[in-house]
């Protein structure tokens, strides 16, 4: 998987796009209708974590204010 930083060729909006193949970047277009220019490319491997139970810690007791 690839993480690609692209900028619109018309409105200069920058976006990060995740693609499986670098040829897929050519198919992406900006909402304004113009194509993107690639600024940087980096390899990306997603990491999946296991779900765990949520532990709720007791709230700390309020201490009296100092004089």
Protein backbone atom coordinates (compact mmCIF):
# COMPACT_ATOMS: atom_id res chain seq x y z
CA UNK A 1 0.00 0.00 0.00
CA UNK A 2 1.20 3.51 -0.79
CA UNK A 3 0.63 6.81 0.98
CA UNK A 4 0.78 9.64 -1.57
CA UNK A 5 0.71 13.36 -0.82
CA UNK A 6 -0.90 15.16 -3.74
CA UNK A 7 -1.82 18.75 -4.56
CA UNK A 8 -4.51 19.96 -6.93
CA UNK A 9 -3.16 21.51 -10.12
CA UNK A 10 -5.76 24.31 -9.96
CA UNK A 11 -6.77 25.17 -6.38
CA UNK A 12 -3.51 24.02 -4.66
CA UNK A 13 -5.38 21.93 -2.07
CA UNK A 14 -3.18 19.19 -0.56
CA UNK A 15 -4.55 15.72 0.23
CA UNK A 16 -3.12 12.39 1.41
CA UNK A 17 -4.32 9.42 -0.64
CA UNK A 18 -3.87 5.73 0.23
CA UNK A 19 -3.66 3.48 -2.83
CA UNK A 20 -2.79 -0.15 -3.45
CA UNK A 21 -1.09 0.57 -6.77
CA UNK A 22 0.61 3.79 -7.85
CA UNK A 23 -1.34 3.72 -11.12
CA UNK A 24 -4.48 4.35 -9.03
CA UNK A 25 -3.24 7.89 -8.28
CA UNK A 26 -3.97 8.82 -11.91
CA UNK A 27 -7.65 8.04 -11.32
CA UNK A 28 -8.01 10.42 -8.36
CA UNK A 29 -9.29 13.92 -9.04
CA UNK A 30 -9.88 16.97 -6.88
CA UNK A 31 -13.50 17.93 -6.06
CA UNK A 32 -12.94 21.03 -8.24
CA UNK A 33 -12.48 18.71 -11.26
CA UNK A 34 -8.75 19.15 -11.92
CA UNK A 35 -6.11 16.44 -11.59
CA UNK A 36 -3.59 16.01 -8.80
CA UNK A 37 0.18 16.53 -8.85
CA UNK A 38 2.18 14.03 -6.75
CA UNK A 39 4.33 15.71 -4.08
CA UNK A 40 5.63 12.68 -2.15
CA UNK A 41 5.27 8.89 -2.05
CA UNK A 42 5.92 6.56 0.88
CA UNK A 43 5.29 2.88 1.57
CA UNK A 44 2.48 2.22 4.04
CA UNK A 45 1.59 -0.96 5.88
CA UNK A 46 -1.58 -0.79 7.99
CA UNK A 47 -1.37 -2.12 11.54
CA UNK A 48 -4.43 -3.79 12.98
CA UNK A 49 -4.79 -3.94 16.76
CA UNK A 50 -6.89 -6.40 18.70
CA UNK A 51 -9.87 -5.13 20.59
CA UNK A 52 -9.56 -5.13 24.35
CA UNK A 53 -12.02 -4.44 27.13
CA UNK A 54 -12.25 -0.83 28.27
CA UNK A 55 -11.12 -0.32 31.86
CA UNK A 56 -12.66 2.58 33.74
CA UNK A 57 -10.44 4.00 36.45
CA UNK A 58 -11.98 5.47 39.61
CA UNK A 59 -12.22 9.23 39.66
CA UNK A 60 -9.72 10.94 41.95
CA UNK A 61 -11.16 12.28 45.22
CA UNK A 62 -11.44 16.03 45.46
CA UNK A 63 -9.01 17.45 47.97
CA UNK A 64 -9.86 20.48 50.10
CA UNK A 65 -8.45 23.76 48.83
CA UNK A 66 -5.36 25.08 50.58
CA UNK A 67 -5.67 28.28 52.58
